[in-house]
Amino acid sequence: MLSEIPTAVPSAISLIPPVAVLVLAIWLKRPILALTLGALVGLVLHAPSDLLSNFADTSLNVMQDETIAWLILVCGGFGMLIGLLVHTGGAMAFGQRAQRLAKGRKSSLFMTFILGLVIFVDDYLNALSVGESMKRVTDKYKVSREMLAYVVDSTAAPVCVLVPLSTWAIFFGGLLENNQVAAVGEGISVYIQAIPYMLYAWLTLLVVLLVVLGIMPVFGPMKKAEMAAQFGKHDPAQSHAAIDNVAIDEDVIEAATPSDENLAVGEYLVKGIEEEFDEAQSKGKLMNFLVPMVMLVVLTIYFDVDVWKGLIATLMLTLPFYAVQRLMSLAEMMETMMDGFKTMLPAIGTVVAAFIFKDVCDKLMLPQYVIDNLSPYMTAQMLPALVFVSMAVLAFATGSSWGIFAVTIPIVMPLAYAVDANIPLVIGALLSASAFGSQACFYSDSTILAAQGAGCNMVSHAITQLPYALIAATVSFIGFLLLA
């Protein structure tokens, strides 16, 4: 019988669950199952005799967590708003107008990139709204949903990190104050000083722009997905990528075909909305898309960058705005909103599973193990680069970009002061690592929602964008070495 692993002593055993999840996610293409099995593996290592009790307590604690409650409400609220935009034909009208401006594959992707820069308030808002807005435009030019999801994901967290009016800035600025890195009321000022050193975010935007403009070639799994879209039986009315029915190589199909439970459930849930989308083509008006979207951004900023309050206010104003036009009855609006909420259930389920897994990693003291093993090598010159690598690995392994920052900043910042390191540079390295984890992790909230918004297989999206994320991460590591 396995003996219990003492939680007071971090050990290499804490690396086993993240490795198990990555292998299972790629092999099974079922992220919820992979995360659940990874959590169970971690709990067996932690306390095998209390496996059932610990799993029940951990899952219950996660569901009672304020962050999870907020996430469920925000994701569900986005689903409701998207359902209304689709049902009224507003989303179709936006797509038709965008198609007039887009003259080909390159311009449609560039429009997606620009829209991602404009919606900078929150990465959730960005990931869901940009993908939903542009996927039918890119479909017209046979751009794979994987490529769309990559552009969306690359302009979500990386853009939010660089803008001091985003939810990321508010959260991290508060953490800097709480950990005495910045004086009370000076958190955002210290954050702004670190923006030039957030190398991963800057480089990610550069890489995705080069890909969009065709300067950097498409390669690896992304090339297979693009081939599937180019040579497949493309139908913009389909809810998923153009790779669903392709007439090319079987290994191309295998690399890009949706097969996890997210899409199996998602296809069933979005069927009604997709049909309504087609029915709404003739009556759609552009203002019925633009007015709610502008209200959402403006109201989110008005409520101190609170996306949930912005969503509530937007829905409260959108309903009478549509009612005055007699677009649908109140009963139809409520039914449409509930259908929209349901489309977010696969994404919500995956994020909940990821948070459970992250809690299990905390029980095994994974962050402390990584920090303890790197501490002897931390000098003023090496600290920023080592912080970036170690935190990026942790964020990638656990899928928790904000959580890892909150856990490790009390450990990293005293080290930075002790070795007299460049504080803005270290903060930039921490935030770069958070942005990398948010974008690159297979089961992070940003990855899930970017795939959801683009109508793309989540694992396929993660695999296709990973090489580009690693390019930006590698150059960032070199940059931190040179700047230090």
Protein backbone atom coordinates (compact mmCIF):
# COMPACT_ATOMS: atom_id res chain seq x y z
CA MET A 1 0.00 0.00 0.00
CA LEU A 2 1.28 3.48 -0.89
CA SER A 3 2.41 5.60 2.00
CA GLU A 4 1.25 9.20 2.22
CA ILE A 5 3.56 11.82 0.78
CA PRO A 6 4.36 14.45 3.42
CA THR A 7 3.05 17.77 2.13
CA ALA A 8 5.50 19.75 4.26
CA VAL A 9 8.42 18.69 2.06
CA PRO A 10 8.26 19.57 -1.67
CA SER A 11 9.53 16.75 -3.87
CA ALA A 12 9.93 15.72 -7.49
CA ILE A 13 6.78 13.62 -7.12
CA SER A 14 4.81 16.84 -7.57
CA LEU A 15 5.87 16.82 -11.26
CA ILE A 16 4.01 13.57 -11.99
CA PRO A 17 0.41 14.93 -12.19
CA PRO A 18 1.20 17.73 -14.72
CA VAL A 19 3.09 15.30 -16.93
CA ALA A 20 0.20 12.82 -16.70
CA VAL A 21 -2.32 15.48 -17.69
CA LEU A 22 -0.31 16.63 -20.71
CA VAL A 23 0.15 13.07 -21.95
CA LEU A 24 -3.51 12.15 -21.40
CA ALA A 25 -4.79 15.37 -22.98
CA ILE A 26 -2.83 14.74 -26.17
CA TRP A 27 -3.56 11.01 -26.23
CA LEU A 28 -7.26 11.03 -25.30
CA LYS A 29 -8.15 14.49 -26.70
CA ARG A 30 -10.55 14.74 -23.76
CA PRO A 31 -9.29 17.56 -21.53
CA ILE A 32 -11.90 17.23 -18.78
CA LEU A 33 -11.13 13.54 -18.41
CA ALA A 34 -7.37 14.20 -18.55
CA LEU A 35 -7.57 16.88 -15.85
CA THR A 36 -9.78 14.73 -13.64
CA LEU A 37 -7.45 11.74 -13.95
CA GLY A 38 -4.46 14.00 -13.30
CA ALA A 39 -6.11 15.32 -10.14
CA LEU A 40 -6.82 11.76 -8.98
CA VAL A 41 -3.19 10.78 -9.63
CA GLY A 42 -2.05 13.74 -7.53
CA LEU A 43 -4.42 12.88 -4.69
CA VAL A 44 -3.22 9.25 -4.71
CA LEU A 45 0.33 10.54 -4.33
CA HIS A 46 -0.76 12.97 -1.63
CA ALA A 47 -2.92 10.70 0.55
CA PRO A 48 -4.08 7.42 -1.04
CA SER A 49 -6.17 6.34 1.93
CA ASP A 50 -8.30 9.51 1.74
CA LEU A 51 -8.66 9.69 -2.03
CA LEU A 52 -12.46 9.91 -2.17
CA SER A 53 -12.73 12.32 0.74
CA ASN A 54 -9.98 14.61 -0.58
CA PHE A 55 -11.43 14.66 -4.10
CA ALA A 56 -14.88 15.50 -2.75
CA ASP A 57 -13.52 18.25 -0.50
CA THR A 58 -11.28 19.72 -3.22
CA SER A 59 -14.04 19.81 -5.83
CA LEU A 60 -16.46 21.35 -3.32
CA ASN A 61 -13.93 24.00 -2.30
CA VAL A 62 -13.33 24.88 -5.95
CA MET A 63 -17.06 25.25 -6.62
CA GLN A 64 -17.34 27.55 -3.59
CA ASP A 65 -14.41 29.67 -4.75
CA GLU A 66 -15.31 33.25 -5.66
CA THR A 67 -13.16 33.14 -8.79
CA ILE A 68 -14.94 30.05 -10.12
CA ALA A 69 -18.35 31.57 -9.37
CA TRP A 70 -17.29 34.73 -11.21
CA LEU A 71 -15.98 32.71 -14.14
CA ILE A 72 -19.18 30.65 -14.47
CA LEU A 73 -21.29 33.80 -14.42
CA VAL A 74 -19.06 35.67 -16.89
CA CYS A 75 -18.81 32.75 -19.33
CA GLY A 76 -22.54 32.10 -19.08
CA GLY A 77 -23.26 35.80 -19.50
CA PHE A 78 -21.14 35.93 -22.64
CA GLY A 79 -23.03 32.93 -23.95
CA MET A 80 -26.32 34.73 -23.32
CA LEU A 81 -25.17 37.88 -25.11
CA ILE A 82 -23.74 35.91 -28.03
CA GLY A 83 -27.01 34.01 -28.31
CA LEU A 84 -28.90 37.30 -28.59
CA LEU A 85 -26.46 38.70 -31.15
CA VAL A 86 -26.83 35.58 -33.26
CA HIS A 87 -30.61 35.25 -32.95
CA THR A 88 -31.26 38.86 -33.98
CA GLY A 89 -28.96 38.62 -36.97
CA GLY A 90 -26.59 41.26 -35.58
CA ALA A 91 -23.61 38.91 -35.70
CA MET A 92 -24.42 37.96 -39.29
CA ALA A 93 -24.72 41.63 -40.26
CA PHE A 94 -21.29 42.31 -38.76
CA GLY A 95 -19.87 39.34 -40.65
CA GLN A 96 -21.37 40.50 -43.92
CA ARG A 97 -19.98 44.02 -43.45
CA ALA A 98 -16.58 42.65 -42.52
CA GLN A 99 -16.62 40.43 -45.61
CA ARG A 100 -16.96 43.54 -47.78
CA LEU A 101 -13.79 44.95 -46.20
CA ALA A 102 -11.85 41.70 -46.23
CA LYS A 103 -10.51 40.95 -49.69
CA GLY A 104 -8.82 37.66 -48.91
CA ARG A 105 -7.29 35.37 -46.35
CA LYS A 106 -4.61 37.83 -45.24
CA SER A 107 -6.92 40.80 -44.80
CA SER A 108 -9.51 38.74 -42.89
CA LEU A 109 -6.85 37.61 -40.43
CA PHE A 110 -5.47 41.15 -40.16
CA MET A 111 -8.97 42.38 -39.29
CA THR A 112 -9.12 39.74 -36.58
CA PHE A 113 -5.75 40.93 -35.26
CA ILE A 114 -6.89 44.58 -35.16
CA LEU A 115 -10.16 43.67 -33.45
CA GLY A 116 -8.16 41.74 -30.86
CA LEU A 117 -6.11 44.88 -30.15
CA VAL A 118 -9.21 47.03 -29.81
CA ILE A 119 -10.95 44.77 -27.28
CA PHE A 120 -8.24 45.07 -24.64
CA VAL A 121 -10.32 45.23 -21.48
CA ASP A 122 -10.33 41.51 -20.64
CA ASP A 123 -8.98 38.34 -22.20
CA TYR A 124 -12.31 36.52 -21.70
CA LEU A 125 -14.17 39.34 -23.47
CA ASN A 126 -11.54 39.30 -26.20
CA ALA A 127 -11.41 35.54 -26.73
CA LEU A 128 -15.15 35.05 -26.93
CA SER A 129 -16.22 38.15 -28.84
CA VAL A 130 -13.46 38.31 -31.48
CA GLY A 131 -13.73 34.63 -32.41
CA GLU A 132 -17.52 34.78 -32.59
CA SER A 133 -17.39 37.98 -34.64
CA MET A 134 -14.83 36.87 -37.22
CA LYS A 135 -15.17 33.13 -37.73
CA ARG A 136 -17.63 33.39 -40.61
CA VAL A 137 -15.47 36.00 -42.31
CA THR A 138 -12.39 33.78 -42.13
CA ASP A 139 -14.50 30.77 -43.15
CA LYS A 140 -15.24 32.49 -46.45
CA TYR A 141 -11.54 32.52 -47.30
CA LYS A 142 -10.95 28.96 -46.05
CA VAL A 143 -8.89 29.96 -43.04
CA SER A 144 -8.78 27.10 -40.56
CA ARG A 145 -10.52 27.60 -37.25
CA GLU A 146 -7.18 26.67 -35.65
CA MET A 147 -5.53 29.68 -37.28
CA LEU A 148 -8.40 31.92 -36.20
CA ALA A 149 -8.16 30.62 -32.63
CA TYR A 150 -4.40 31.23 -32.66
CA VAL A 151 -4.82 34.87 -33.72
CA VAL A 152 -7.58 35.35 -31.14
CA ASP A 153 -5.57 33.73 -28.33
CA SER A 154 -2.44 35.71 -29.23
CA THR A 155 -4.31 39.00 -28.91
CA ALA A 156 -6.15 38.06 -25.71
CA ALA A 157 -3.89 37.74 -22.65
CA PRO A 158 -0.82 39.31 -24.35
CA VAL A 159 -2.76 42.47 -25.18
CA CYS A 160 -4.45 42.64 -21.78
CA VAL A 161 -1.07 42.33 -20.06
CA LEU A 162 0.27 45.37 -21.93
CA VAL A 163 -2.70 47.66 -21.25
CA PRO A 164 -2.92 49.20 -17.74
CA LEU A 165 -6.73 49.51 -18.02
CA SER A 166 -7.34 45.76 -18.25
CA THR A 167 -8.51 43.23 -15.67
CA TRP A 168 -4.96 41.82 -15.67
CA ALA A 169 -3.48 45.17 -14.66
CA ILE A 170 -6.05 45.67 -11.91
CA PHE A 171 -5.44 42.17 -10.48
CA PHE A 172 -1.64 42.20 -10.66
CA GLY A 173 -1.42 45.80 -9.48
CA GLY A 174 -3.40 44.80 -6.38
CA LEU A 175 -1.06 41.85 -5.78
CA LEU A 176 1.97 44.13 -5.98
CA GLU A 177 0.45 46.34 -3.29
CA ASN A 178 -0.59 43.40 -1.09
CA ASN A 179 2.96 42.02 -1.17
CA GLN A 180 4.59 45.40 -0.38
CA VAL A 181 6.25 45.54 -3.80
CA ALA A 182 4.36 48.78 -4.37
CA ALA A 183 2.96 51.31 -1.92
CA VAL A 184 -0.79 51.52 -1.42
CA GLY A 185 -2.28 53.21 -4.47
CA GLU A 186 0.94 52.80 -6.48
CA GLY A 187 0.34 49.26 -7.79
CA ILE A 188 -0.64 50.39 -11.29
CA SER A 189 2.30 52.81 -11.45
CA VAL A 190 4.75 50.00 -10.66
CA TYR A 191 2.90 47.80 -13.16
CA ILE A 192 3.31 50.44 -15.88
CA GLN A 193 7.08 50.57 -15.20
CA ALA A 194 7.24 46.83 -15.97
CA ILE A 195 5.30 47.01 -19.26
CA PRO A 196 8.40 47.56 -21.46
CA TYR A 197 9.89 44.37 -19.94
CA MET A 198 6.89 42.13 -20.62
CA LEU A 199 8.84 40.57 -23.45
CA TYR A 200 6.64 37.55 -24.10
CA ALA A 201 3.55 39.69 -24.68
CA TRP A 202 5.40 42.00 -27.09
CA LEU A 203 7.02 39.13 -28.98
CA THR A 204 3.78 37.16 -29.21
CA LEU A 205 2.08 40.11 -30.89
CA LEU A 206 5.02 40.44 -33.27
CA VAL A 207 5.01 36.73 -34.15
CA VAL A 208 1.26 36.56 -34.77
CA LEU A 209 1.42 39.73 -36.92
CA LEU A 210 4.22 38.19 -39.00
CA VAL A 211 2.13 35.03 -39.44
CA VAL A 212 -0.99 37.03 -40.36
CA LEU A 213 0.93 39.06 -42.98
CA GLY A 214 2.50 35.91 -44.41
CA ILE A 215 6.05 36.99 -43.52
CA MET A 216 6.51 34.05 -41.16
CA PRO A 217 5.53 30.77 -42.84
CA VAL A 218 2.87 28.45 -41.51
CA PHE A 219 4.48 25.21 -40.35
CA GLY A 220 3.98 22.11 -38.23
CA PRO A 221 0.48 21.15 -37.03
CA MET A 222 -0.86 24.55 -38.11
CA LYS A 223 0.14 23.82 -41.70
CA LYS A 224 -1.82 20.56 -41.57
CA ALA A 225 -4.88 22.37 -40.25
CA GLU A 226 -4.57 25.01 -42.96
CA MET A 227 -4.26 22.31 -45.63
CA ALA A 228 -7.39 20.67 -44.29
CA ALA A 229 -9.26 23.97 -44.52
CA GLN A 230 -7.95 24.76 -48.00
CA PHE A 231 -8.68 21.38 -49.56
CA GLY A 232 -11.66 20.32 -47.49
CA LYS A 233 -15.35 20.67 -48.19
CA HIS A 234 -15.70 24.10 -46.66
CA ASP A 235 -19.11 25.24 -45.44
CA PRO A 236 -19.33 28.52 -43.48
CA ALA A 237 -22.61 27.42 -41.94
CA GLN A 238 -20.89 24.63 -40.05
CA SER A 239 -20.30 25.23 -36.35
CA HIS A 240 -16.73 23.93 -36.38
CA ALA A 241 -13.61 24.12 -38.48
CA ALA A 242 -13.42 23.40 -42.16
CA ILE A 243 -11.48 20.28 -41.32
CA ASP A 244 -14.62 18.37 -40.37
CA ASN A 245 -15.07 16.92 -43.86
CA VAL A 246 -11.81 17.01 -45.72
CA ALA A 247 -10.78 14.99 -48.73
CA ILE A 248 -7.05 14.81 -48.12
CA ASP A 249 -4.47 12.73 -46.30
CA GLU A 250 -5.68 10.76 -43.29
CA ASP A 251 -2.84 12.00 -41.08
CA VAL A 252 -3.88 15.57 -41.90
CA ILE A 253 -7.42 14.75 -40.86
CA GLU A 254 -6.24 13.04 -37.68
CA ALA A 255 -4.13 16.04 -36.71
CA ALA A 256 -7.05 18.43 -36.92
CA THR A 257 -10.33 16.57 -36.46
CA PRO A 258 -12.42 17.54 -33.41
CA SER A 259 -12.95 14.49 -31.25
CA ASP A 260 -13.03 15.50 -27.59
CA GLU A 261 -16.09 15.84 -25.41
CA ASN A 262 -16.01 19.62 -25.66
CA LEU A 263 -16.99 19.52 -29.32
CA ALA A 264 -19.26 16.50 -28.97
CA VAL A 265 -21.32 18.35 -26.38
CA GLY A 266 -20.73 21.73 -28.00
CA GLU A 267 -22.02 20.60 -31.41
CA TYR A 268 -25.26 19.48 -29.82
CA LEU A 269 -25.66 22.66 -27.80
CA VAL A 270 -24.89 25.17 -30.56
CA LYS A 271 -27.07 23.46 -33.16
CA GLY A 272 -30.10 25.57 -32.34
CA ILE A 273 -28.18 28.82 -32.35
CA GLU A 274 -26.48 28.01 -35.65
CA GLU A 275 -29.88 27.34 -37.25
CA GLU A 276 -31.18 30.62 -35.86
CA PHE A 277 -28.10 32.35 -37.26
CA ASP A 278 -29.01 31.23 -40.76
CA GLU A 279 -32.65 32.24 -40.28
CA ALA A 280 -31.59 35.71 -39.12
CA GLN A 281 -29.57 36.57 -42.23
CA SER A 282 -32.24 38.65 -43.91
CA LYS A 283 -33.28 40.73 -40.89
CA GLY A 284 -29.90 41.37 -39.32
CA LYS A 285 -28.81 44.96 -38.73
CA LEU A 286 -25.26 46.03 -37.99
CA MET A 287 -26.33 48.27 -35.12
CA ASN A 288 -27.79 45.26 -33.33
CA PHE A 289 -24.24 43.91 -33.09
CA LEU A 290 -22.23 47.09 -32.62
CA VAL A 291 -24.41 48.76 -29.97
CA PRO A 292 -24.28 45.86 -27.45
CA MET A 293 -20.55 45.28 -28.07
CA VAL A 294 -19.67 48.96 -27.60
CA MET A 295 -21.86 49.07 -24.49
CA LEU A 296 -20.07 46.01 -23.10
CA VAL A 297 -16.61 47.58 -23.48
CA VAL A 298 -17.64 51.02 -22.23
CA LEU A 299 -19.64 49.72 -19.27
CA THR A 300 -16.88 47.30 -18.28
CA ILE A 301 -14.43 50.21 -18.10
CA TYR A 302 -17.05 52.37 -16.31
CA PHE A 303 -17.44 49.78 -13.55
CA ASP A 304 -13.70 49.82 -12.77
CA VAL A 305 -12.92 47.11 -15.33
CA ASP A 306 -15.46 44.69 -13.83
CA VAL A 307 -16.54 42.42 -16.69
CA TRP A 308 -19.42 40.83 -14.77
CA LYS A 309 -21.01 44.18 -13.90
CA GLY A 310 -20.45 45.31 -17.47
CA LEU A 311 -22.18 42.18 -18.75
CA ILE A 312 -25.17 42.61 -16.43
CA ALA A 313 -25.62 46.24 -17.44
CA THR A 314 -25.19 45.37 -21.14
CA LEU A 315 -27.82 42.62 -20.99
CA MET A 316 -30.21 44.91 -19.09
CA LEU A 317 -29.87 47.56 -21.81
CA THR A 318 -29.78 45.15 -24.77
CA LEU A 319 -33.11 43.49 -23.92
CA PRO A 320 -35.20 46.70 -24.16
CA PHE A 321 -33.08 47.83 -27.15
CA TYR A 322 -34.15 44.69 -29.01
CA ALA A 323 -37.69 44.78 -27.60
CA VAL A 324 -38.32 48.29 -28.99
CA GLN A 325 -37.41 46.97 -32.45
CA ARG A 326 -39.77 44.01 -31.90
CA LEU A 327 -37.05 41.57 -32.89
CA MET A 328 -38.40 38.92 -30.54
CA SER A 329 -40.70 38.50 -27.59
CA LEU A 330 -39.46 38.53 -23.99
CA ALA A 331 -40.06 34.77 -23.79
CA GLU A 332 -37.94 34.23 -26.91
CA MET A 333 -35.19 36.39 -25.44
CA MET A 334 -35.12 34.35 -22.25
CA GLU A 335 -35.05 31.07 -24.16
CA THR A 336 -32.27 32.35 -26.43
CA MET A 337 -30.23 33.48 -23.44
CA MET A 338 -30.59 30.08 -21.79
CA ASP A 339 -29.48 28.36 -25.01
CA GLY A 340 -26.51 30.71 -25.14
CA PHE A 341 -25.59 29.84 -21.56
CA LYS A 342 -25.65 26.14 -22.44
CA THR A 343 -23.09 26.63 -25.23
CA MET A 344 -20.59 27.63 -22.54
CA LEU A 345 -21.02 24.50 -20.41
CA PRO A 346 -18.12 22.56 -22.01
CA ALA A 347 -15.78 25.51 -21.43
CA ILE A 348 -17.01 25.98 -17.86
CA GLY A 349 -16.58 22.26 -17.13
CA THR A 350 -13.00 22.28 -18.40
CA VAL A 351 -12.05 25.35 -16.36
CA VAL A 352 -13.58 23.87 -13.19
CA ALA A 353 -11.59 20.67 -13.76
CA ALA A 354 -8.44 22.76 -14.29
CA PHE A 355 -8.96 24.58 -10.99
CA ILE A 356 -9.41 21.25 -9.18
CA PHE A 357 -6.17 20.05 -10.73
CA LYS A 358 -4.39 23.28 -9.75
CA ASP A 359 -5.49 22.80 -6.11
CA VAL A 360 -4.09 19.26 -6.15
CA CYS A 361 -0.75 20.59 -7.46
CA ASP A 362 -0.75 23.08 -4.59
CA LYS A 363 -1.25 20.23 -2.12
CA LEU A 364 1.84 18.54 -3.54
CA MET A 365 3.72 21.88 -3.27
CA LEU A 366 4.67 21.98 -6.94
CA PRO A 367 5.42 25.77 -6.99
CA GLN A 368 7.64 25.49 -3.90
CA TYR A 369 9.53 22.55 -5.38
CA VAL A 370 10.36 24.43 -8.57
CA ILE A 371 11.39 27.60 -6.71
CA ASP A 372 13.49 25.71 -4.16
CA ASN A 373 15.45 23.94 -6.88
CA LEU A 374 16.13 27.10 -8.84
CA SER A 375 16.96 29.37 -5.89
CA PRO A 376 20.67 28.39 -5.68
CA TYR A 377 21.16 29.58 -9.26
CA MET A 378 19.41 32.92 -8.85
CA THR A 379 21.74 35.90 -9.20
CA ALA A 380 20.89 39.45 -10.22
CA GLN A 381 21.85 38.54 -13.81
CA MET A 382 20.13 35.14 -13.96
CA LEU A 383 17.05 35.87 -11.85
CA PRO A 384 14.74 37.41 -14.51
CA ALA A 385 15.43 34.62 -17.04
CA LEU A 386 15.10 31.85 -14.43
CA VAL A 387 11.93 33.41 -13.05
CA PHE A 388 10.46 33.52 -16.56
CA VAL A 389 11.34 29.88 -17.30
CA SER A 390 10.25 28.46 -13.94
CA MET A 391 6.99 30.43 -13.75
CA ALA A 392 6.20 29.69 -17.41
CA VAL A 393 6.63 25.96 -16.75
CA LEU A 394 4.41 26.18 -13.67
CA ALA A 395 1.72 28.20 -15.45
CA PHE A 396 1.83 25.79 -18.41
CA ALA A 397 1.67 22.72 -16.14
CA THR A 398 -1.15 23.91 -13.90
CA GLY A 399 -3.14 26.09 -16.31
CA SER A 400 -3.27 28.81 -13.67
CA SER A 401 -1.70 32.06 -14.83
CA TRP A 402 -3.17 34.34 -12.15
CA GLY A 403 -2.98 31.70 -9.42
CA ILE A 404 0.71 30.95 -10.02
CA PHE A 405 1.55 34.65 -9.86
CA ALA A 406 -0.33 35.04 -6.56
CA VAL A 407 1.41 32.01 -5.04
CA THR A 408 4.95 32.77 -6.20
CA ILE A 409 5.25 36.55 -5.90
CA PRO A 410 5.83 36.34 -2.10
CA ILE A 411 8.70 33.91 -2.84
CA VAL A 412 10.25 35.55 -5.90
CA MET A 413 10.20 39.22 -4.92
CA PRO A 414 12.18 38.82 -1.65
CA LEU A 415 14.80 36.95 -3.73
CA ALA A 416 14.85 39.82 -6.21
CA TYR A 417 15.48 42.36 -3.45
CA ALA A 418 18.09 40.10 -1.81
CA VAL A 419 20.24 39.84 -4.96
CA ASP A 420 19.60 43.49 -5.94
CA ALA A 421 17.92 42.57 -9.22
CA ASN A 422 16.10 44.96 -11.56
CA ILE A 423 12.61 44.95 -9.98
CA PRO A 424 10.59 46.10 -13.06
CA LEU A 425 12.46 43.49 -15.12
CA VAL A 426 11.59 40.72 -12.64
CA ILE A 427 7.95 41.82 -12.60
CA GLY A 428 8.02 41.82 -16.40
CA ALA A 429 9.39 38.27 -16.33
CA LEU A 430 6.62 37.14 -13.96
CA LEU A 431 3.91 38.68 -16.12
CA SER A 432 5.50 37.29 -19.28
CA ALA A 433 5.37 33.83 -17.72
CA SER A 434 1.71 34.34 -16.79
CA ALA A 435 0.87 35.40 -20.35
CA PHE A 436 2.71 32.35 -21.73
CA GLY A 437 0.85 29.98 -19.41
CA SER A 438 -2.48 31.57 -20.26
CA GLN A 439 -1.89 31.21 -23.99
CA ALA A 440 0.10 27.98 -24.30
CA CYS A 441 -1.41 25.68 -21.68
CA PHE A 442 -3.73 23.09 -23.22
CA TYR A 443 -6.40 23.57 -20.56
CA SER A 444 -6.03 27.21 -19.47
CA ASP A 445 -9.11 29.41 -19.45
CA SER A 446 -7.77 31.53 -22.32
CA THR A 447 -7.11 28.48 -24.52
CA ILE A 448 -10.53 27.04 -23.75
CA LEU A 449 -12.40 30.26 -24.50
CA ALA A 450 -10.39 31.13 -27.62
CA ALA A 451 -11.22 27.70 -29.02
CA GLN A 452 -14.84 28.07 -27.92
CA GLY A 453 -15.20 31.49 -29.54
CA ALA A 454 -13.60 30.33 -32.79
CA GLY A 455 -15.63 27.10 -32.86
CA CYS A 456 -12.46 25.04 -32.81
CA ASN A 457 -11.29 21.82 -31.17
CA MET A 458 -9.49 22.83 -27.98
CA VAL A 459 -6.64 20.31 -28.14
CA SER A 460 -6.14 20.98 -31.85
CA HIS A 461 -5.95 24.72 -31.12
CA ALA A 462 -3.40 24.16 -28.35
CA ILE A 463 -1.20 21.89 -30.47
CA THR A 464 -1.24 24.13 -33.54
CA GLN A 465 -0.37 27.33 -31.70
CA LEU A 466 2.25 25.83 -29.34
CA PRO A 467 5.22 26.08 -31.78
CA TYR A 468 4.60 29.81 -32.25
CA ALA A 469 4.23 30.34 -28.50
CA LEU A 470 7.53 28.51 -27.94
CA ILE A 471 9.29 30.75 -30.48
CA ALA A 472 8.18 33.85 -28.58
CA ALA A 473 9.09 32.21 -25.25
CA THR A 474 12.58 31.25 -26.43
CA VAL A 475 13.37 34.73 -27.70
CA SER A 476 11.93 36.16 -24.46
CA PHE A 477 14.31 34.01 -22.41
CA ILE A 478 17.27 35.28 -24.42
CA GLY A 479 15.97 38.82 -24.02
CA PHE A 480 15.79 38.53 -20.24
CA LEU A 481 19.35 37.25 -20.16
CA LEU A 482 20.59 40.18 -22.24
CA LEU A 483 18.60 42.85 -20.39
CA ALA A 484 19.82 41.62 -16.99
